[in-house]
């Protein structure tokens, strides 16, 4: 399937290779370029990450507590829960030691929960 060198009996196009291997033609082009510049090993194997991925800040149990808090009545004097209020209440109730409003917002979005309804 290589289009250069002694192995090339038939000239394959990027489109033909992509179709045969169920890849996008841009992927075929990137692999070919990596093969020509760096050799076979880097072209066929991904490089290792320099540092491991960051673990999630909250787990499923904490997510459940956030949703449960949203379903409960808001503190006295408040009509609805807000993300800022949820964040401070989670810290106050010691559900978490530290959490950002963005993490709370992402959790609610992930679970399709809408505040104020």
PDB file of N, CA and C in Angstrom:
ATOM      1  N   UNK A   1       0.807  -1.195   0.000  1.00  0.00           N
ATOM      2  CA  UNK A   1       0.000   0.000   0.000  1.00  0.00           C
ATOM      3  C   UNK A   1       0.849   1.257   0.000  1.00  0.00           C
ATOM      4  N   UNK A   2       2.128   1.091   0.027  1.00  0.00           N
ATOM      5  CA  UNK A   2       3.015   2.247  -0.006  1.00  0.00           C
ATOM      6  C   UNK A   2       3.152   2.712  -1.453  1.00  0.00           C
ATOM      7  N   UNK A   3       3.186   4.014  -1.673  1.00  0.00           N
ATOM      8  CA  UNK A   3       3.253   4.488  -3.049  1.00  0.00           C
ATOM      9  C   UNK A   3       4.676   4.826  -3.480  1.00  0.00           C
ATOM     10  N   UNK A   4       5.654   4.573  -2.617  1.00  0.00           N
ATOM     11  CA  UNK A   4       7.042   4.816  -2.973  1.00  0.00           C
ATOM     12  C   UNK A   4       7.868   3.607  -2.569  1.00  0.00           C
ATOM     13  N   UNK A   5       8.981   3.373  -3.237  1.00  0.00           N
ATOM     14  CA  UNK A   5       9.867   2.291  -2.858  1.00  0.00           C
ATOM     15  C   UNK A   5       9.637   1.035  -3.676  1.00  0.00           C
ATOM     16  N   UNK A   6      10.409  -0.008  -3.323  1.00  0.00           N
ATOM     17  CA  UNK A   6      10.372  -1.262  -4.073  1.00  0.00           C
ATOM     18  C   UNK A   6       9.066  -2.022  -3.911  1.00  0.00           C
ATOM     19  N   UNK A   7       8.383  -1.880  -2.758  1.00  0.00           N
ATOM     20  CA  UNK A   7       7.162  -2.637  -2.499  1.00  0.00           C
ATOM     21  C   UNK A   7       6.000  -2.168  -3.354  1.00  0.00           C
ATOM     22  N   UNK A   8       6.120  -1.032  -3.996  1.00  0.00           N
ATOM     23  CA  UNK A   8       4.991  -0.455  -4.728  1.00  0.00           C
ATOM     24  C   UNK A   8       4.820  -1.152  -6.075  1.00  0.00           C
ATOM     25  N   UNK A   9       4.001  -2.196  -6.094  1.00  0.00           N
ATOM     26  CA  UNK A   9       3.671  -2.867  -7.351  1.00  0.00           C
ATOM     27  C   UNK A   9       2.611  -2.042  -8.063  1.00  0.00           C
ATOM     28  N   UNK A  10       1.575  -1.704  -7.342  1.00  0.00           N
ATOM     29  CA  UNK A  10       0.528  -0.827  -7.861  1.00  0.00           C
ATOM     30  C   UNK A  10       0.631   0.495  -7.121  1.00  0.00           C
ATOM     31  N   UNK A  11       0.333   1.564  -7.815  1.00  0.00           N
ATOM     32  CA  UNK A  11       0.319   2.875  -7.166  1.00  0.00           C
ATOM     33  C   UNK A  11      -1.034   3.080  -6.504  1.00  0.00           C
ATOM     34  N   UNK A  12      -1.030   3.155  -5.194  1.00  0.00           N
ATOM     35  CA  UNK A  12      -2.258   3.392  -4.435  1.00  0.00           C
ATOM     36  C   UNK A  12      -2.401   4.885  -4.206  1.00  0.00           C
ATOM     37  N   UNK A  13      -3.594   5.383  -4.328  1.00  0.00           N
ATOM     38  CA  UNK A  13      -3.865   6.776  -3.977  1.00  0.00           C
ATOM     39  C   UNK A  13      -4.263   6.831  -2.508  1.00  0.00           C
ATOM     40  N   UNK A  14      -4.186   8.018  -1.926  1.00  0.00           N
ATOM     41  CA  UNK A  14      -4.623   8.175  -0.537  1.00  0.00           C
ATOM     42  C   UNK A  14      -6.084   7.770  -0.387  1.00  0.00           C
ATOM     43  N   UNK A  15      -6.894   8.130  -1.370  1.00  0.00           N
ATOM     44  CA  UNK A  15      -8.319   7.777  -1.320  1.00  0.00           C
ATOM     45  C   UNK A  15      -8.508   6.264  -1.344  1.00  0.00           C
ATOM     46  N   UNK A  16      -7.728   5.573  -2.191  1.00  0.00           N
ATOM     47  CA  UNK A  16      -7.836   4.116  -2.279  1.00  0.00           C
ATOM     48  C   UNK A  16      -7.419   3.428  -0.994  1.00  0.00           C
ATOM     49  N   UNK A  17      -6.317   3.896  -0.405  1.00  0.00           N
ATOM     50  CA  UNK A  17      -5.850   3.325   0.865  1.00  0.00           C
ATOM     51  C   UNK A  17      -6.866   3.607   1.965  1.00  0.00           C
ATOM     52  N   UNK A  18      -7.357   4.842   2.006  1.00  0.00           N
ATOM     53  CA  UNK A  18      -8.334   5.221   3.031  1.00  0.00           C
ATOM     54  C   UNK A  18      -9.586   4.368   2.915  1.00  0.00           C
ATOM     55  N   UNK A  19     -10.045   4.140   1.708  1.00  0.00           N
ATOM     56  CA  UNK A  19     -11.236   3.320   1.498  1.00  0.00           C
ATOM     57  C   UNK A  19     -10.982   1.873   1.917  1.00  0.00           C
ATOM     58  N   UNK A  20      -9.808   1.342   1.566  1.00  0.00           N
ATOM     59  CA  UNK A  20      -9.482  -0.048   1.896  1.00  0.00           C
ATOM     60  C   UNK A  20      -9.339  -0.263   3.400  1.00  0.00           C
ATOM     61  N   UNK A  21      -8.844   0.738   4.110  1.00  0.00           N
ATOM     62  CA  UNK A  21      -8.590   0.592   5.552  1.00  0.00           C
ATOM     63  C   UNK A  21      -9.618   1.291   6.425  1.00  0.00           C
ATOM     64  N   UNK A  22     -10.643   1.865   5.806  1.00  0.00           N
ATOM     65  CA  UNK A  22     -11.691   2.575   6.534  1.00  0.00           C
ATOM     66  C   UNK A  22     -11.109   3.724   7.366  1.00  0.00           C
ATOM     67  N   UNK A  23     -10.276   4.529   6.713  1.00  0.00           N
ATOM     68  CA  UNK A  23      -9.664   5.700   7.330  1.00  0.00           C
ATOM     69  C   UNK A  23     -10.015   6.929   6.504  1.00  0.00           C
ATOM     70  N   UNK A  24      -9.762   8.100   7.055  1.00  0.00           N
ATOM     71  CA  UNK A  24      -9.908   9.334   6.282  1.00  0.00           C
ATOM     72  C   UNK A  24      -8.622   9.533   5.484  1.00  0.00           C
ATOM     73  N   UNK A  25      -8.733  10.128   4.319  1.00  0.00           N
ATOM     74  CA  UNK A  25      -7.539  10.291   3.476  1.00  0.00           C
ATOM     75  C   UNK A  25      -6.501  11.191   4.139  1.00  0.00           C
ATOM     76  N   UNK A  26      -6.923  12.143   4.980  1.00  0.00           N
ATOM     77  CA  UNK A  26      -5.957  12.985   5.698  1.00  0.00           C
ATOM     78  C   UNK A  26      -5.125  12.153   6.674  1.00  0.00           C
ATOM     79  N   UNK A  27      -5.747  11.147   7.286  1.00  0.00           N
ATOM     80  CA  UNK A  27      -5.027  10.257   8.199  1.00  0.00           C
ATOM     81  C   UNK A  27      -3.963   9.486   7.432  1.00  0.00           C
ATOM     82  N   UNK A  28      -4.325   8.996   6.262  1.00  0.00           N
ATOM     83  CA  UNK A  28      -3.367   8.267   5.422  1.00  0.00           C
ATOM     84  C   UNK A  28      -2.193   9.177   5.075  1.00  0.00           C
ATOM     85  N   UNK A  29      -2.468  10.417   4.718  1.00  0.00           N
ATOM     86  CA  UNK A  29      -1.404  11.361   4.387  1.00  0.00           C
ATOM     87  C   UNK A  29      -0.488  11.648   5.561  1.00  0.00           C
ATOM     88  N   UNK A  30      -1.070  11.795   6.761  1.00  0.00           N
ATOM     89  CA  UNK A  30      -0.251  12.052   7.959  1.00  0.00           C
ATOM     90  C   UNK A  30       0.645  10.855   8.273  1.00  0.00           C
ATOM     91  N   UNK A  31       0.089   9.645   8.138  1.00  0.00           N
ATOM     92  CA  UNK A  31       0.885   8.441   8.422  1.00  0.00           C
ATOM     93  C   UNK A  31       2.007   8.309   7.395  1.00  0.00           C
ATOM     94  N   UNK A  32       1.703   8.580   6.124  1.00  0.00           N
ATOM     95  CA  UNK A  32       2.725   8.505   5.075  1.00  0.00           C
ATOM     96  C   UNK A  32       3.852   9.500   5.371  1.00  0.00           C
ATOM     97  N   UNK A  33       3.496  10.722   5.734  1.00  0.00           N
ATOM     98  CA  UNK A  33       4.494  11.749   6.022  1.00  0.00           C
ATOM     99  C   UNK A  33       5.363  11.327   7.212  1.00  0.00           C
ATOM    100  N   UNK A  34       4.724  10.800   8.264  1.00  0.00           N
ATOM    101  CA  UNK A  34       5.466  10.343   9.442  1.00  0.00           C
ATOM    102  C   UNK A  34       6.402   9.196   9.068  1.00  0.00           C
ATOM    103  N   UNK A  35       5.943   8.294   8.194  1.00  0.00           N
ATOM    104  CA  UNK A  35       6.770   7.163   7.751  1.00  0.00           C
ATOM    105  C   UNK A  35       7.999   7.665   6.995  1.00  0.00           C
ATOM    106  N   UNK A  36       7.800   8.624   6.100  1.00  0.00           N
ATOM    107  CA  UNK A  36       8.908   9.123   5.288  1.00  0.00           C
ATOM    108  C   UNK A  36       9.906   9.932   6.106  1.00  0.00           C
ATOM    109  N   UNK A  37       9.443  10.640   7.132  1.00  0.00           N
ATOM    110  CA  UNK A  37      10.347  11.489   7.911  1.00  0.00           C
ATOM    111  C   UNK A  37      10.932  10.797   9.138  1.00  0.00           C
ATOM    112  N   UNK A  38      10.162   9.864   9.754  1.00  0.00           N
ATOM    113  CA  UNK A  38      10.608   9.278  11.021  1.00  0.00           C
ATOM    114  C   UNK A  38      10.801   7.769  10.975  1.00  0.00           C
ATOM    115  N   UNK A  39      10.279   7.107   9.972  1.00  0.00           N
ATOM    116  CA  UNK A  39      10.449   5.663   9.869  1.00  0.00           C
ATOM    117  C   UNK A  39       9.185   4.897  10.217  1.00  0.00           C
ATOM    118  N   UNK A  40       9.326   3.567  10.181  1.00  0.00           N
ATOM    119  CA  UNK A  40       8.165   2.685  10.342  1.00  0.00           C
ATOM    120  C   UNK A  40       7.579   2.695  11.753  1.00  0.00           C
ATOM    121  N   UNK A  41       8.427   2.602  12.763  1.00  0.00           N
ATOM    122  CA  UNK A  41       7.938   2.502  14.146  1.00  0.00           C
ATOM    123  C   UNK A  41       7.077   3.700  14.559  1.00  0.00           C
ATOM    124  N   UNK A  42       7.539   4.944  14.393  1.00  0.00           N
ATOM    125  CA  UNK A  42       6.685   6.084  14.762  1.00  0.00           C
ATOM    126  C   UNK A  42       5.421   6.193  13.907  1.00  0.00           C
ATOM    127  N   UNK A  43       5.511   5.730  12.664  1.00  0.00           N
ATOM    128  CA  UNK A  43       4.343   5.828  11.781  1.00  0.00           C
ATOM    129  C   UNK A  43       3.232   4.886  12.212  1.00  0.00           C
ATOM    130  N   UNK A  44       3.593   3.725  12.726  1.00  0.00           N
ATOM    131  CA  UNK A  44       2.590   2.713  13.058  1.00  0.00           C
ATOM    132  C   UNK A  44       2.170   2.713  14.518  1.00  0.00           C
ATOM    133  N   UNK A  45       2.954   3.312  15.390  1.00  0.00           N
ATOM    134  CA  UNK A  45       2.635   3.301  16.820  1.00  0.00           C
ATOM    135  C   UNK A  45       2.548   4.722  17.354  1.00  0.00           C
ATOM    136  N   UNK A  46       1.577   4.952  18.209  1.00  0.00           N
ATOM    137  CA  UNK A  46       1.419   6.273  18.812  1.00  0.00           C
ATOM    138  C   UNK A  46       2.518   6.522  19.825  1.00  0.00           C
ATOM    139  N   UNK A  47       2.871   7.792  19.979  1.00  0.00           N
ATOM    140  CA  UNK A  47       3.863   8.126  20.992  1.00  0.00           C
ATOM    141  C   UNK A  47       3.189   8.155  22.365  1.00  0.00           C
ATOM    142  N   UNK A  48       3.968   7.879  23.387  1.00  0.00           N
ATOM    143  CA  UNK A  48       3.452   7.875  24.752  1.00  0.00           C
ATOM    144  C   UNK A  48       3.262   9.306  25.238  1.00  0.00           C
ATOM    145  N   UNK A  49       2.277   9.477  26.111  1.00  0.00           N
ATOM    146  CA  UNK A  49       2.037  10.796  26.697  1.00  0.00           C
ATOM    147  C   UNK A  49       3.181  11.160  27.628  1.00  0.00           C
ATOM    148  N   UNK A  50       3.497  12.453  27.696  1.00  0.00           N
ATOM    149  CA  UNK A  50       4.552  12.907  28.599  1.00  0.00           C
ATOM    150  C   UNK A  50       4.095  12.853  30.046  1.00  0.00           C
ATOM    151  N   UNK A  51       2.814  13.148  30.271  1.00  0.00           N
ATOM    152  CA  UNK A  51       2.282  13.048  31.626  1.00  0.00           C
ATOM    153  C   UNK A  51       0.906  12.391  31.548  1.00  0.00           C
ATOM    154  N   UNK A  52       0.537  11.661  32.574  1.00  0.00           N
ATOM    155  CA  UNK A  52      -0.751  10.947  32.534  1.00  0.00           C
ATOM    156  C   UNK A  52      -1.933  11.911  32.542  1.00  0.00           C
ATOM    157  N   UNK A  53      -3.084  11.449  32.081  1.00  0.00           N
ATOM    158  CA  UNK A  53      -4.263  12.320  32.087  1.00  0.00           C
ATOM    159  C   UNK A  53      -4.658  12.702  33.510  1.00  0.00           C
ATOM    160  N   UNK A  54      -5.254  13.868  33.646  1.00  0.00           N
ATOM    161  CA  UNK A  54      -5.696  14.344  34.950  1.00  0.00           C
ATOM    162  C   UNK A  54      -6.923  13.549  35.382  1.00  0.00           C
ATOM    163  N   UNK A  55      -6.905  12.991  36.593  1.00  0.00           N
ATOM    164  CA  UNK A  55      -8.073  12.235  37.044  1.00  0.00           C
ATOM    165  C   UNK A  55      -9.275  13.155  37.262  1.00  0.00           C
ATOM    166  N   UNK A  56     -10.487  12.623  37.178  1.00  0.00           N
ATOM    167  CA  UNK A  56     -11.673  13.455  37.393  1.00  0.00           C
ATOM    168  C   UNK A  56     -11.682  14.036  38.804  1.00  0.00           C
ATOM    169  N   UNK A  57     -12.202  15.252  38.924  1.00  0.00           N
ATOM    170  CA  UNK A  57     -12.232  15.918  40.230  1.00  0.00           C
ATOM    171  C   UNK A  57     -13.329  15.359  41.123  1.00  0.00           C
ATOM    172  N   UNK A  58     -14.414  14.882  40.512  1.00  0.00           N
ATOM    173  CA  UNK A  58     -15.508  14.321  41.310  1.00  0.00           C
ATOM    174  C   UNK A  58     -15.896  12.959  40.747  1.00  0.00           C
ATOM    175  N   UNK A  59     -16.431  12.129  41.620  1.00  0.00           N
ATOM    176  CA  UNK A  59     -16.846  10.792  41.191  1.00  0.00           C
ATOM    177  C   UNK A  59     -18.368  10.723  41.088  1.00  0.00           C
ATOM    178  N   UNK A  60     -18.870   9.543  40.781  1.00  0.00           N
ATOM    179  CA  UNK A  60     -20.308   9.352  40.608  1.00  0.00           C
ATOM    180  C   UNK A  60     -21.106   9.653  41.863  1.00  0.00           C
ATOM    181  N   UNK A  61     -20.545   9.321  43.025  1.00  0.00           N
ATOM    182  CA  UNK A  61     -21.255   9.573  44.283  1.00  0.00           C
ATOM    183  C   UNK A  61     -21.408  11.080  44.522  1.00  0.00           C
ATOM    184  N   UNK A  62     -20.373  11.833  44.211  1.00  0.00           N
ATOM    185  CA  UNK A  62     -20.448  13.287  44.374  1.00  0.00           C
ATOM    186  C   UNK A  62     -21.435  13.880  43.378  1.00  0.00           C
ATOM    187  N   UNK A  63     -21.429  13.367  42.140  1.00  0.00           N
ATOM    188  CA  UNK A  63     -22.409  13.825  41.145  1.00  0.00           C
ATOM    189  C   UNK A  63     -23.826  13.589  41.647  1.00  0.00           C
ATOM    190  N   UNK A  64     -24.047  12.416  42.238  1.00  0.00           N
ATOM    191  CA  UNK A  64     -25.378  12.092  42.767  1.00  0.00           C
ATOM    192  C   UNK A  64     -25.773  13.067  43.874  1.00  0.00           C
ATOM    193  N   UNK A  65     -24.818  13.446  44.712  1.00  0.00           N
ATOM    194  CA  UNK A  65     -25.115  14.399  45.780  1.00  0.00           C
ATOM    195  C   UNK A  65     -25.432  15.786  45.220  1.00  0.00           C
ATOM    196  N   UNK A  66     -24.764  16.161  44.146  1.00  0.00           N
ATOM    197  CA  UNK A  66     -25.050  17.459  43.516  1.00  0.00           C
ATOM    198  C   UNK A  66     -26.471  17.461  42.966  1.00  0.00           C
ATOM    199  N   UNK A  67     -26.853  16.395  42.277  1.00  0.00           N
ATOM    200  CA  UNK A  67     -28.203  16.300  41.710  1.00  0.00           C
ATOM    201  C   UNK A  67     -29.244  16.250  42.824  1.00  0.00           C
ATOM    202  N   UNK A  68     -28.948  15.489  43.883  1.00  0.00           N
ATOM    203  CA  UNK A  68     -29.886  15.413  45.009  1.00  0.00           C
ATOM    204  C   UNK A  68     -30.075  16.788  45.644  1.00  0.00           C
ATOM    205  N   UNK A  69     -28.996  17.539  45.749  1.00  0.00           N
ATOM    206  CA  UNK A  69     -29.095  18.874  46.322  1.00  0.00           C
ATOM    207  C   UNK A  69     -29.941  19.776  45.419  1.00  0.00           C
ATOM    208  N   UNK A  70     -29.780  19.646  44.113  1.00  0.00           N
ATOM    209  CA  UNK A  70     -30.583  20.447  43.170  1.00  0.00           C
ATOM    210  C   UNK A  70     -32.064  20.128  43.292  1.00  0.00           C
ATOM    211  N   UNK A  71     -32.378  18.871  43.580  1.00  0.00           N
ATOM    212  CA  UNK A  71     -33.780  18.449  43.683  1.00  0.00           C
ATOM    213  C   UNK A  71     -34.402  18.852  45.016  1.00  0.00           C
ATOM    214  N   UNK A  72     -33.568  19.158  45.993  1.00  0.00           N
ATOM    215  CA  UNK A  72     -34.098  19.567  47.295  1.00  0.00           C
ATOM    216  C   UNK A  72     -34.467  21.052  47.256  1.00  0.00           C
ATOM    217  N   UNK A  73     -35.110  21.495  48.312  1.00  0.00           N
ATOM    218  CA  UNK A  73     -35.484  22.908  48.402  1.00  0.00           C
ATOM    219  C   UNK A  73     -34.231  23.753  48.606  1.00  0.00           C
ATOM    220  N   UNK A  74     -34.183  24.924  47.986  1.00  0.00           N
ATOM    221  CA  UNK A  74     -33.026  25.803  48.189  1.00  0.00           C
ATOM    222  C   UNK A  74     -33.034  26.365  49.606  1.00  0.00           C
ATOM    223  N   UNK A  75     -31.924  26.925  50.047  1.00  0.00           N
ATOM    224  CA  UNK A  75     -31.872  27.503  51.390  1.00  0.00           C
ATOM    225  C   UNK A  75     -32.936  28.587  51.564  1.00  0.00           C
ATOM    226  N   UNK A  76     -33.280  28.820  52.810  1.00  0.00           N
ATOM    227  CA  UNK A  76     -34.312  29.816  53.110  1.00  0.00           C
ATOM    228  C   UNK A  76     -33.903  31.182  52.562  1.00  0.00           C
ATOM    229  N   UNK A  77     -34.872  31.853  51.984  1.00  0.00           N
ATOM    230  CA  UNK A  77     -34.617  33.159  51.403  1.00  0.00           C
ATOM    231  C   UNK A  77     -34.234  33.099  49.930  1.00  0.00           C
ATOM    232  N   UNK A  78     -34.121  31.897  49.382  1.00  0.00           N
ATOM    233  CA  UNK A  78     -33.766  31.723  47.976  1.00  0.00           C
ATOM    234  C   UNK A  78     -34.901  31.025  47.257  1.00  0.00           C
ATOM    235  N   UNK A  79     -35.213  31.472  46.051  1.00  0.00           N
ATOM    236  CA  UNK A  79     -36.288  30.857  45.271  1.00  0.00           C
ATOM    237  C   UNK A  79     -35.789  29.615  44.536  1.00  0.00           C
ATOM    238  N   UNK A  80     -34.574  29.671  44.008  1.00  0.00           N
ATOM    239  CA  UNK A  80     -34.003  28.568  43.230  1.00  0.00           C
ATOM    240  C   UNK A  80     -32.531  28.398  43.561  1.00  0.00           C
ATOM    241  N   UNK A  81     -32.015  27.246  43.176  1.00  0.00           N
ATOM    242  CA  UNK A  81     -30.590  27.000  43.281  1.00  0.00           C
ATOM    243  C   UNK A  81     -29.884  27.703  42.127  1.00  0.00           C
ATOM    244  N   UNK A  82     -28.721  28.246  42.395  1.00  0.00           N
ATOM    245  CA  UNK A  82     -27.844  28.762  41.347  1.00  0.00           C
ATOM    246  C   UNK A  82     -26.550  27.959  41.415  1.00  0.00           C
ATOM    247  N   UNK A  83     -25.762  28.051  40.395  1.00  0.00           N
ATOM    248  CA  UNK A  83     -24.495  27.313  40.403  1.00  0.00           C
ATOM    249  C   UNK A  83     -23.591  27.829  41.521  1.00  0.00           C
ATOM    250  N   UNK A  84     -23.565  29.126  41.700  1.00  0.00           N
ATOM    251  CA  UNK A  84     -22.748  29.713  42.768  1.00  0.00           C
ATOM    252  C   UNK A  84     -23.227  29.228  44.137  1.00  0.00           C
ATOM    253  N   UNK A  85     -24.543  29.195  44.331  1.00  0.00           N
ATOM    254  CA  UNK A  85     -25.114  28.743  45.597  1.00  0.00           C
ATOM    255  C   UNK A  85     -24.824  27.256  45.823  1.00  0.00           C
ATOM    256  N   UNK A  86     -24.968  26.452  44.776  1.00  0.00           N
ATOM    257  CA  UNK A  86     -24.650  25.023  44.889  1.00  0.00           C
ATOM    258  C   UNK A  86     -23.191  24.820  45.279  1.00  0.00           C
ATOM    259  N   UNK A  87     -22.301  25.555  44.641  1.00  0.00           N
ATOM    260  CA  UNK A  87     -20.870  25.422  44.920  1.00  0.00           C
ATOM    261  C   UNK A  87     -20.565  25.733  46.379  1.00  0.00           C
ATOM    262  N   UNK A  88     -21.095  26.834  46.871  1.00  0.00           N
ATOM    263  CA  UNK A  88     -20.820  27.193  48.267  1.00  0.00           C
ATOM    264  C   UNK A  88     -21.476  26.210  49.233  1.00  0.00           C
ATOM    265  N   UNK A  89     -22.655  25.733  48.897  1.00  0.00           N
ATOM    266  CA  UNK A  89     -23.366  24.783  49.770  1.00  0.00           C
ATOM    267  C   UNK A  89     -22.651  23.424  49.804  1.00  0.00           C
ATOM    268  N   UNK A  90     -22.092  23.000  48.676  1.00  0.00           N
ATOM    269  CA  UNK A  90     -21.325  21.745  48.647  1.00  0.00           C
ATOM    270  C   UNK A  90     -20.110  21.834  49.564  1.00  0.00           C
ATOM    271  N   UNK A  91     -19.453  22.974  49.570  1.00  0.00           N
ATOM    272  CA  UNK A  91     -18.300  23.165  50.452  1.00  0.00           C
ATOM    273  C   UNK A  91     -18.740  23.256  51.907  1.00  0.00           C
ATOM    274  N   UNK A  92     -19.843  23.973  52.144  1.00  0.00           N
ATOM    275  CA  UNK A  92     -20.338  24.147  53.509  1.00  0.00           C
ATOM    276  C   UNK A  92     -20.751  22.812  54.121  1.00  0.00           C
ATOM    277  N   UNK A  93     -21.408  21.963  53.328  1.00  0.00           N
ATOM    278  CA  UNK A  93     -21.852  20.645  53.814  1.00  0.00           C
ATOM    279  C   UNK A  93     -20.734  19.602  53.783  1.00  0.00           C
ATOM    280  N   UNK A  94     -19.562  20.012  53.348  1.00  0.00           N
ATOM    281  CA  UNK A  94     -18.374  19.154  53.283  1.00  0.00           C
ATOM    282  C   UNK A  94     -18.563  17.933  52.388  1.00  0.00           C
ATOM    283  N   UNK A  95     -19.331  18.126  51.331  1.00  0.00           N
ATOM    284  CA  UNK A  95     -19.441  17.081  50.305  1.00  0.00           C
ATOM    285  C   UNK A  95     -18.107  17.010  49.570  1.00  0.00           C
ATOM    286  N   UNK A  96     -17.513  18.177  49.339  1.00  0.00           N
ATOM    287  CA  UNK A  96     -16.190  18.284  48.722  1.00  0.00           C
ATOM    288  C   UNK A  96     -15.397  19.328  49.489  1.00  0.00           C
ATOM    289  N   UNK A  97     -14.074  19.223  49.420  1.00  0.00           N
ATOM    290  CA  UNK A  97     -13.254  20.242  50.081  1.00  0.00           C
ATOM    291  C   UNK A  97     -13.074  21.446  49.169  1.00  0.00           C
ATOM    292  N   UNK A  98     -12.966  21.192  47.881  1.00  0.00           N
ATOM    293  CA  UNK A  98     -12.783  22.273  46.914  1.00  0.00           C
ATOM    294  C   UNK A  98     -13.452  21.879  45.607  1.00  0.00           C
ATOM    295  N   UNK A  99     -14.204  22.798  45.023  1.00  0.00           N
ATOM    296  CA  UNK A  99     -14.864  22.561  43.742  1.00  0.00           C
ATOM    297  C   UNK A  99     -15.121  23.914  43.087  1.00  0.00           C
ATOM    298  N   UNK A 100     -14.984  23.955  41.783  1.00  0.00           N
ATOM    299  CA  UNK A 100     -15.220  25.216  41.074  1.00  0.00           C
ATOM    300  C   UNK A 100     -16.649  25.255  40.544  1.00  0.00           C
ATOM    301  N   UNK A 101     -17.102  26.459  40.261  1.00  0.00           N
ATOM    302  CA  UNK A 101     -18.442  26.605  39.671  1.00  0.00           C
ATOM    303  C   UNK A 101     -18.498  25.896  38.322  1.00  0.00           C
ATOM    304  N   UNK A 102     -17.400  25.924  37.593  1.00  0.00           N
ATOM    305  CA  UNK A 102     -17.361  25.280  36.276  1.00  0.00           C
ATOM    306  C   UNK A 102     -17.551  23.769  36.393  1.00  0.00           C
ATOM    307  N   UNK A 103     -16.973  23.152  37.408  1.00  0.00           N
ATOM    308  CA  UNK A 103     -17.149  21.714  37.608  1.00  0.00           C
ATOM    309  C   UNK A 103     -18.605  21.398  37.918  1.00  0.00           C
ATOM    310  N   UNK A 104     -19.238  22.214  38.736  1.00  0.00           N
ATOM    311  CA  UNK A 104     -20.659  22.024  39.049  1.00  0.00           C
ATOM    312  C   UNK A 104     -21.491  22.208  37.784  1.00  0.00           C
ATOM    313  N   UNK A 105     -21.183  23.244  37.011  1.00  0.00           N
ATOM    314  CA  UNK A 105     -21.926  23.505  35.774  1.00  0.00           C
ATOM    315  C   UNK A 105     -21.794  22.333  34.804  1.00  0.00           C
ATOM    316  N   UNK A 106     -20.567  21.821  34.632  1.00  0.00           N
ATOM    317  CA  UNK A 106     -20.339  20.696  33.728  1.00  0.00           C
ATOM    318  C   UNK A 106     -21.077  19.447  34.190  1.00  0.00           C
ATOM    319  N   UNK A 107     -21.112  19.224  35.490  1.00  0.00           N
ATOM    320  CA  UNK A 107     -21.824  18.068  36.033  1.00  0.00           C
ATOM    321  C   UNK A 107     -23.308  18.163  35.730  1.00  0.00           C
ATOM    322  N   UNK A 108     -23.882  19.338  35.935  1.00  0.00           N
ATOM    323  CA  UNK A 108     -25.309  19.520  35.653  1.00  0.00           C
ATOM    324  C   UNK A 108     -25.593  19.374  34.160  1.00  0.00           C
ATOM    325  N   UNK A 109     -24.707  19.895  33.334  1.00  0.00           N
ATOM    326  CA  UNK A 109     -24.902  19.787  31.883  1.00  0.00           C
ATOM    327  C   UNK A 109     -24.815  18.330  31.442  1.00  0.00           C
ATOM    328  N   UNK A 110     -23.859  17.598  31.997  1.00  0.00           N
ATOM    329  CA  UNK A 110     -23.663  16.193  31.640  1.00  0.00           C
ATOM    330  C   UNK A 110     -24.893  15.361  31.974  1.00  0.00           C
ATOM    331  N   UNK A 111     -25.551  15.700  33.057  1.00  0.00           N
ATOM    332  CA  UNK A 111     -26.735  14.943  33.473  1.00  0.00           C
ATOM    333  C   UNK A 111     -28.024  15.553  32.935  1.00  0.00           C
ATOM    334  N   UNK A 112     -27.900  16.581  32.101  1.00  0.00           N
ATOM    335  CA  UNK A 112     -29.049  17.268  31.479  1.00  0.00           C
ATOM    336  C   UNK A 112     -29.994  17.871  32.508  1.00  0.00           C
ATOM    337  N   UNK A 113     -29.466  18.237  33.663  1.00  0.00           N
ATOM    338  CA  UNK A 113     -30.289  18.858  34.693  1.00  0.00           C
ATOM    339  C   UNK A 113     -30.342  20.356  34.437  1.00  0.00           C
ATOM    340  N   UNK A 114     -31.533  20.934  34.517  1.00  0.00           N
ATOM    341  CA  UNK A 114     -31.709  22.367  34.297  1.00  0.00           C
ATOM    342  C   UNK A 114     -32.124  23.002  35.614  1.00  0.00           C
ATOM    343  N   UNK A 115     -31.346  23.975  36.070  1.00  0.00           N
ATOM    344  CA  UNK A 115     -31.673  24.663  37.320  1.00  0.00           C
ATOM    345  C   UNK A 115     -32.916  25.522  37.151  1.00  0.00           C
ATOM    346  N   UNK A 116     -33.691  25.635  38.208  1.00  0.00           N
ATOM    347  CA  UNK A 116     -34.841  26.536  38.222  1.00  0.00           C
ATOM    348  C   UNK A 116     -36.105  25.972  37.606  1.00  0.00           C
ATOM    349  N   UNK A 117     -36.134  24.689  37.333  1.00  0.00           N
ATOM    350  CA  UNK A 117     -37.359  24.101  36.758  1.00  0.00           C
ATOM    351  C   UNK A 117     -37.985  23.131  37.707  1.00  0.00           C
TER     352      UNK A 117
END
